[in-house]
Amino acid sequence: MAIASFGQIYFWKDNTVLSILFTVINTLIGVGMILMNRKHLNGLDEMQRKISMDAMAIALGVGIVGGLSYSMLDQADIIGLDAEIAHLVMLIGITYMIGIFVGTRRYK
């Protein structure tokens, strides 16, 4: 991800072919990650799978509702920050980690 994002700034200037190549590589790695996550979930027992699925459902909901609200606040110039995708990724990741922690504690 870092090479695809910053390569055109620091390593190659105005080389669209390299930018597209590294974006495609990044996308293929992402697809592989999705497939491996699916394989991991299928290997879990029923309780671990329930905890993971609940955490993912909460993270998805928070990501959509929070992300759309954040974007609307940015468009209306109510907040001083630009709505960046990195903020949304962090929100989803933190929400997922909290969901896993709470779910694990609940079923202990």
N, C-alpha and C. Protein backbone atom coordinates (compact mmCIF):
# COMPACT_ATOMS: atom_id res chain seq x y z
N MET A 1 0.82 -1.18 0.00
CA MET A 1 0.00 0.00 0.00
C MET A 1 0.87 1.25 0.00
N ALA A 2 1.93 1.23 0.80
CA ALA A 2 2.81 2.40 0.88
C ALA A 2 3.49 2.66 -0.46
N ILE A 3 3.94 1.59 -1.13
CA ILE A 3 4.60 1.79 -2.43
C ILE A 3 3.61 2.36 -3.45
N ALA A 4 2.40 1.82 -3.46
CA ALA A 4 1.39 2.33 -4.40
C ALA A 4 1.02 3.78 -4.10
N SER A 5 1.00 4.14 -2.81
CA SER A 5 0.59 5.50 -2.42
C SER A 5 1.70 6.52 -2.60
N PHE A 6 2.90 6.17 -2.14
CA PHE A 6 3.98 7.15 -2.10
C PHE A 6 5.03 6.98 -3.19
N GLY A 7 4.97 5.87 -3.93
CA GLY A 7 5.94 5.64 -4.98
C GLY A 7 5.96 6.73 -6.03
N GLN A 8 4.79 7.19 -6.43
CA GLN A 8 4.72 8.22 -7.46
C GLN A 8 5.23 9.57 -6.96
N ILE A 9 5.25 9.76 -5.64
CA ILE A 9 5.75 11.01 -5.08
C ILE A 9 7.27 10.97 -4.92
N TYR A 10 7.79 9.84 -4.40
CA TYR A 10 9.19 9.78 -4.03
C TYR A 10 10.08 9.01 -5.00
N PHE A 11 9.56 8.05 -5.74
CA PHE A 11 10.41 7.20 -6.57
C PHE A 11 10.23 7.42 -8.06
N TRP A 12 9.04 7.55 -8.53
CA TRP A 12 8.82 7.78 -9.94
C TRP A 12 7.85 8.94 -10.10
N LYS A 13 8.21 9.84 -10.94
CA LYS A 13 7.38 11.03 -11.18
C LYS A 13 6.63 10.84 -12.49
N ASP A 14 5.34 11.05 -12.44
CA ASP A 14 4.50 11.03 -13.65
C ASP A 14 4.62 9.76 -14.48
N ASN A 15 4.87 8.61 -13.84
CA ASN A 15 4.92 7.34 -14.56
C ASN A 15 3.62 6.60 -14.25
N THR A 16 2.64 6.80 -15.09
CA THR A 16 1.32 6.22 -14.89
C THR A 16 1.35 4.70 -14.92
N VAL A 17 2.19 4.12 -15.74
CA VAL A 17 2.26 2.66 -15.85
C VAL A 17 2.66 2.04 -14.52
N LEU A 18 3.69 2.58 -13.86
CA LEU A 18 4.11 2.05 -12.57
C LEU A 18 3.03 2.26 -11.50
N SER A 19 2.37 3.40 -11.54
CA SER A 19 1.29 3.65 -10.58
C SER A 19 0.16 2.64 -10.74
N ILE A 20 -0.22 2.37 -11.98
CA ILE A 20 -1.28 1.39 -12.24
C ILE A 20 -0.82 -0.01 -11.84
N LEU A 21 0.43 -0.36 -12.16
CA LEU A 21 0.97 -1.68 -11.83
C LEU A 21 0.93 -1.92 -10.32
N PHE A 22 1.42 -0.98 -9.54
CA PHE A 22 1.44 -1.18 -8.10
C PHE A 22 0.05 -1.12 -7.48
N THR A 23 -0.86 -0.38 -8.10
CA THR A 23 -2.25 -0.38 -7.62
C THR A 23 -2.90 -1.73 -7.88
N VAL A 24 -2.64 -2.32 -9.05
CA VAL A 24 -3.17 -3.65 -9.37
C VAL A 24 -2.58 -4.70 -8.42
N ILE A 25 -1.27 -4.62 -8.18
CA ILE A 25 -0.64 -5.56 -7.24
C ILE A 25 -1.27 -5.42 -5.86
N ASN A 26 -1.48 -4.19 -5.40
CA ASN A 26 -2.11 -3.95 -4.11
C ASN A 26 -3.52 -4.52 -4.07
N THR A 27 -4.26 -4.37 -5.14
CA THR A 27 -5.62 -4.90 -5.21
C THR A 27 -5.61 -6.43 -5.16
N LEU A 28 -4.69 -7.06 -5.87
CA LEU A 28 -4.60 -8.53 -5.86
C LEU A 28 -4.21 -9.05 -4.47
N ILE A 29 -3.32 -8.34 -3.80
CA ILE A 29 -2.97 -8.73 -2.42
C ILE A 29 -4.20 -8.59 -1.52
N GLY A 30 -4.98 -7.54 -1.73
CA GLY A 30 -6.22 -7.35 -0.96
C GLY A 30 -7.22 -8.47 -1.18
N VAL A 31 -7.37 -8.91 -2.42
CA VAL A 31 -8.27 -10.04 -2.72
C VAL A 31 -7.76 -11.29 -2.02
N GLY A 32 -6.45 -11.51 -2.04
CA GLY A 32 -5.87 -12.65 -1.32
C GLY A 32 -6.15 -12.57 0.17
N MET A 33 -6.06 -11.37 0.72
CA MET A 33 -6.34 -11.18 2.14
C MET A 33 -7.80 -11.53 2.46
N ILE A 34 -8.70 -11.13 1.60
CA ILE A 34 -10.12 -11.45 1.80
C ILE A 34 -10.33 -12.96 1.78
N LEU A 35 -9.72 -13.63 0.83
CA LEU A 35 -9.87 -15.09 0.73
C LEU A 35 -9.27 -15.80 1.95
N MET A 36 -8.12 -15.32 2.42
CA MET A 36 -7.50 -15.93 3.60
C MET A 36 -8.33 -15.65 4.86
N ASN A 37 -8.95 -14.48 4.94
CA ASN A 37 -9.82 -14.18 6.07
C ASN A 37 -11.03 -15.11 6.08
N ARG A 38 -11.57 -15.36 4.91
CA ARG A 38 -12.70 -16.29 4.79
C ARG A 38 -12.29 -17.70 5.23
N LYS A 39 -11.10 -18.12 4.80
CA LYS A 39 -10.59 -19.43 5.19
C LYS A 39 -10.38 -19.49 6.71
N HIS A 40 -9.86 -18.42 7.28
CA HIS A 40 -9.66 -18.35 8.72
C HIS A 40 -11.00 -18.47 9.47
N LEU A 41 -12.00 -17.73 9.02
CA LEU A 41 -13.31 -17.76 9.67
C LEU A 41 -13.94 -19.15 9.59
N ASN A 42 -13.76 -19.82 8.46
CA ASN A 42 -14.31 -21.17 8.32
C ASN A 42 -13.61 -22.18 9.23
N GLY A 43 -12.39 -21.88 9.65
CA GLY A 43 -11.66 -22.78 10.53
C GLY A 43 -11.94 -22.55 12.01
N LEU A 44 -12.69 -21.52 12.34
CA LEU A 44 -12.98 -21.24 13.75
C LEU A 44 -14.11 -22.13 14.26
N ASP A 45 -14.15 -22.30 15.58
CA ASP A 45 -15.30 -23.01 16.14
C ASP A 45 -16.50 -22.07 16.17
N GLU A 46 -17.66 -22.60 16.54
CA GLU A 46 -18.91 -21.83 16.45
C GLU A 46 -18.89 -20.56 17.29
N MET A 47 -18.35 -20.62 18.51
CA MET A 47 -18.34 -19.45 19.37
C MET A 47 -17.39 -18.38 18.85
N GLN A 48 -16.20 -18.78 18.42
CA GLN A 48 -15.26 -17.81 17.87
C GLN A 48 -15.82 -17.16 16.60
N ARG A 49 -16.48 -17.98 15.78
CA ARG A 49 -17.08 -17.45 14.56
C ARG A 49 -18.18 -16.44 14.90
N LYS A 50 -19.00 -16.74 15.91
CA LYS A 50 -20.06 -15.81 16.31
C LYS A 50 -19.47 -14.50 16.82
N ILE A 51 -18.43 -14.59 17.64
CA ILE A 51 -17.79 -13.38 18.16
C ILE A 51 -17.23 -12.55 17.00
N SER A 52 -16.55 -13.20 16.06
CA SER A 52 -15.97 -12.49 14.92
C SER A 52 -17.04 -11.87 14.04
N MET A 53 -18.09 -12.62 13.76
CA MET A 53 -19.16 -12.10 12.90
C MET A 53 -19.89 -10.93 13.56
N ASP A 54 -20.14 -11.03 14.87
CA ASP A 54 -20.77 -9.92 15.58
C ASP A 54 -19.89 -8.68 15.54
N ALA A 55 -18.58 -8.86 15.77
CA ALA A 55 -17.66 -7.73 15.74
C ALA A 55 -17.60 -7.11 14.34
N MET A 56 -17.62 -7.96 13.31
CA MET A 56 -17.61 -7.44 11.94
C MET A 56 -18.89 -6.68 11.61
N ALA A 57 -20.02 -7.20 12.09
CA ALA A 57 -21.29 -6.52 11.83
C ALA A 57 -21.31 -5.14 12.49
N ILE A 58 -20.83 -5.07 13.72
CA ILE A 58 -20.79 -3.78 14.41
C ILE A 58 -19.82 -2.83 13.71
N ALA A 59 -18.64 -3.33 13.33
CA ALA A 59 -17.65 -2.50 12.66
C ALA A 59 -18.18 -1.98 11.32
N LEU A 60 -18.89 -2.83 10.58
CA LEU A 60 -19.48 -2.39 9.31
C LEU A 60 -20.51 -1.30 9.53
N GLY A 61 -21.38 -1.50 10.50
CA GLY A 61 -22.41 -0.50 10.79
C GLY A 61 -21.81 0.82 11.24
N VAL A 62 -20.85 0.76 12.16
CA VAL A 62 -20.20 1.99 12.62
C VAL A 62 -19.46 2.66 11.46
N GLY A 63 -18.82 1.86 10.62
CA GLY A 63 -18.10 2.41 9.48
C GLY A 63 -19.02 3.13 8.50
N ILE A 64 -20.14 2.52 8.21
CA ILE A 64 -21.07 3.15 7.26
C ILE A 64 -21.72 4.39 7.86
N VAL A 65 -22.31 4.24 9.05
CA VAL A 65 -23.00 5.37 9.67
C VAL A 65 -22.00 6.48 10.03
N GLY A 66 -20.89 6.09 10.68
CA GLY A 66 -19.90 7.09 11.06
C GLY A 66 -19.24 7.73 9.86
N GLY A 67 -18.90 6.92 8.86
CA GLY A 67 -18.26 7.46 7.66
C GLY A 67 -19.14 8.41 6.89
N LEU A 68 -20.40 8.06 6.73
CA LEU A 68 -21.32 8.96 6.02
C LEU A 68 -21.56 10.25 6.80
N SER A 69 -21.70 10.13 8.10
CA SER A 69 -21.89 11.33 8.94
C SER A 69 -20.66 12.22 8.87
N TYR A 70 -19.49 11.61 8.98
CA TYR A 70 -18.23 12.35 8.91
C TYR A 70 -18.09 13.06 7.57
N SER A 71 -18.43 12.38 6.50
CA SER A 71 -18.37 12.97 5.16
C SER A 71 -19.34 14.14 5.02
N MET A 72 -20.56 13.98 5.56
CA MET A 72 -21.55 15.07 5.47
C MET A 72 -21.09 16.29 6.27
N LEU A 73 -20.48 16.06 7.44
CA LEU A 73 -19.96 17.17 8.24
C LEU A 73 -18.84 17.89 7.50
N ASP A 74 -18.02 17.14 6.78
CA ASP A 74 -16.94 17.75 5.99
C ASP A 74 -17.51 18.55 4.83
N GLN A 75 -18.50 17.99 4.14
CA GLN A 75 -19.09 18.69 3.00
C GLN A 75 -19.78 19.99 3.42
N ALA A 76 -20.34 20.00 4.62
CA ALA A 76 -21.03 21.20 5.12
C ALA A 76 -20.05 22.16 5.80
N ASP A 77 -18.76 21.85 5.78
CA ASP A 77 -17.72 22.65 6.43
C ASP A 77 -18.00 22.90 7.91
N ILE A 78 -18.54 21.88 8.57
CA ILE A 78 -18.81 21.97 10.01
C ILE A 78 -17.57 21.57 10.80
N ILE A 79 -16.78 20.66 10.25
CA ILE A 79 -15.55 20.24 10.93
C ILE A 79 -14.35 20.84 10.20
N GLY A 80 -13.28 21.03 10.92
CA GLY A 80 -12.09 21.64 10.33
C GLY A 80 -11.19 20.66 9.61
N LEU A 81 -11.52 19.39 9.66
CA LEU A 81 -10.69 18.36 9.02
C LEU A 81 -11.28 17.97 7.67
N ASP A 82 -10.42 17.46 6.80
CA ASP A 82 -10.90 16.84 5.57
C ASP A 82 -11.25 15.40 5.88
N ALA A 83 -12.36 14.92 5.36
CA ALA A 83 -12.76 13.52 5.56
C ALA A 83 -11.82 12.65 4.73
N GLU A 84 -10.96 11.94 5.41
CA GLU A 84 -9.98 11.07 4.76
C GLU A 84 -10.36 9.62 4.97
N ILE A 85 -10.07 8.77 3.99
CA ILE A 85 -10.38 7.35 4.09
C ILE A 85 -9.60 6.70 5.22
N ALA A 86 -8.41 7.22 5.52
CA ALA A 86 -7.60 6.64 6.61
C ALA A 86 -8.33 6.75 7.94
N HIS A 87 -9.07 7.83 8.14
CA HIS A 87 -9.83 7.98 9.39
C HIS A 87 -10.90 6.90 9.48
N LEU A 88 -11.55 6.62 8.37
CA LEU A 88 -12.59 5.60 8.34
C LEU A 88 -12.00 4.21 8.60
N VAL A 89 -10.86 3.92 8.00
CA VAL A 89 -10.20 2.63 8.21
C VAL A 89 -9.84 2.45 9.68
N MET A 90 -9.30 3.51 10.29
CA MET A 90 -8.96 3.43 11.72
C MET A 90 -10.21 3.22 12.57
N LEU A 91 -11.30 3.92 12.26
CA LEU A 91 -12.55 3.76 13.00
C LEU A 91 -13.05 2.33 12.92
N ILE A 92 -13.05 1.76 11.73
CA ILE A 92 -13.51 0.38 11.55
C ILE A 92 -12.60 -0.59 12.30
N GLY A 93 -11.30 -0.40 12.19
CA GLY A 93 -10.35 -1.29 12.87
C GLY A 93 -10.49 -1.25 14.39
N ILE A 94 -10.61 -0.05 14.94
CA ILE A 94 -10.76 0.09 16.39
C ILE A 94 -12.08 -0.50 16.84
N THR A 95 -13.14 -0.26 16.08
CA THR A 95 -14.45 -0.82 16.43
C THR A 95 -14.41 -2.34 16.40
N TYR A 96 -13.75 -2.91 15.41
CA TYR A 96 -13.64 -4.37 15.31
C TYR A 96 -12.87 -4.93 16.51
N MET A 97 -11.75 -4.29 16.87
CA MET A 97 -10.97 -4.77 18.01
C MET A 97 -11.78 -4.71 19.30
N ILE A 98 -12.52 -3.63 19.50
CA ILE A 98 -13.36 -3.52 20.69
C ILE A 98 -14.44 -4.59 20.67
N GLY A 99 -15.04 -4.84 19.49
CA GLY A 99 -16.06 -5.87 19.36
C GLY A 99 -15.53 -7.25 19.69
N ILE A 100 -14.32 -7.56 19.25
CA ILE A 100 -13.70 -8.86 19.57
C ILE A 100 -13.44 -8.95 21.08
N PHE A 101 -12.92 -7.89 21.66
CA PHE A 101 -12.62 -7.87 23.10
C PHE A 101 -13.89 -8.06 23.92
N VAL A 102 -14.93 -7.28 23.61
CA VAL A 102 -16.19 -7.37 24.35
C VAL A 102 -16.83 -8.74 24.15
N GLY A 103 -16.85 -9.24 22.93
CA GLY A 103 -17.44 -10.55 22.65
C GLY A 103 -16.72 -11.66 23.36
N THR A 104 -15.41 -11.60 23.40
CA THR A 104 -14.63 -12.62 24.10
C THR A 104 -14.90 -12.59 25.60
N ARG A 105 -14.96 -11.41 26.14
CA ARG A 105 -15.24 -11.27 27.58
C ARG A 105 -16.65 -11.73 27.92
N ARG A 106 -17.59 -11.46 27.04
CA ARG A 106 -18.99 -11.83 27.29
C ARG A 106 -19.17 -13.34 27.36
N TYR A 107 -18.45 -14.10 26.53
CA TYR A 107 -18.64 -15.53 26.46
C TYR A 107 -17.64 -16.33 27.28
N LYS A 108 -16.84 -15.67 28.10
CA LYS A 108 -15.88 -16.40 28.97
C LYS A 108 -16.60 -17.12 30.07
